[in-house]
Amino acid sequence: MPNIRHTPEAPTRTQELAPGERIDPHRHDDHQIVYAGSGVLAVTTDAGTWFAPGTRAIWVPAGCVHAHRAHGHLALHLLGLPADTNPLGLDVPTVLAVGPLLRELILACTRAPHDDTPERGRLRAVLLDQLRASPQQPVHLPTPTDPRLAAVCELLHRDPADPRGLAALAAGAGAGERTLSRLFRRELGMTFPQWRTQLRLYHALRMLTDGLPVTTVAHRCGWSSTSAFIDVFRRAFGYTPGDHQRRD
C-alpha cells in the first residue's frame, strides 16, 4: 500500500462515512477496535479484506497497515487500546461477534468526551472482559499472490454468480484443477467452495446495504434460490438479509 500514514495513537471517536467513502492506508502503534453501527465496514490490508455488518467488529492489531471503506452510510466507532492491552492475544486482523452488551460498551466508550474519568475506566474494563469472551468469526477474503489463483479470484469478484466449477475456471487460468485446489488451501487457508461462499456473502452485504431486494441479491450472487441464500446468510451472521436491511 503506497502513501502509508503513521498515526502513533489509535484514535477513539465516532466518525460518519458516506457510502463509498474511504480512509486511506495508515497504521497505529496501538491496537484498534473498529465497529460499524450502521452500514457495512470493509477493512483491507495486504493480506486481504475483512468485512463486518453491525453485529461484528474488527480487531486491527498495532502496526498493521490498513484501510477502511464504507458500504452504505457508516456510523464508524473507533476504539484505541494500548499495544500492551490485547485481551484475545491477536496479532492479525480478526472479525469478532458483537453481542448487545459489547455493542453498548463500544458505543459508550467512543462517545465524547474521551476523558480518563473513573467511570470511563470501569467501562473499558468491562469492555475488555466482554472482548475476551467474544467469538471470532471467519468473515475474511484473503488476497491471493499466485497469478493463476489471482486470475480466478478476480473473475469471480467481477461476477460472483458465475456458476462454473473449479475445473472450468482452472482451464481458463492456465492451471490444473488440483493445482488450483492446493493453492486455495495453501494461500487462502480454505477450500474453493468456502472461499466462494465468503465472496458471495461479501457482495451480498454490499448489495443489501445499497437497498437491492433480497431476491435480486440472491440471484446476482449466485445462490440457487432465495431460500438457500437466506439460510446461508442467517448461519453466517445470525439474522436474515431482510433483518440486515431493516438495521440500516
Foldseek 3Di string as FASTA:
>chain_A
DPPEAEDAFFDFAKDKDAAFDKFAKYFYQWKKKKAWLAFKKWKDALFFIFIDGRQKIKIAAHPGTIMMTGQAITGIGMDTDGNVQDLQPDDHIFIWGHDPLLSVLSVVCRYPDNDDDPVSVVSVVVNSVVRNVIDTAPLIQTQADPQLLNVLVVVCLVQLQPPDDQQVSSVVSVHHSVVNQVSCCPSVVDGPVVNSLSSLLVVLSSVLSVPDDLQVSCNRNRHPGSVVVQVSNCVRRVHGSVVSSVSD
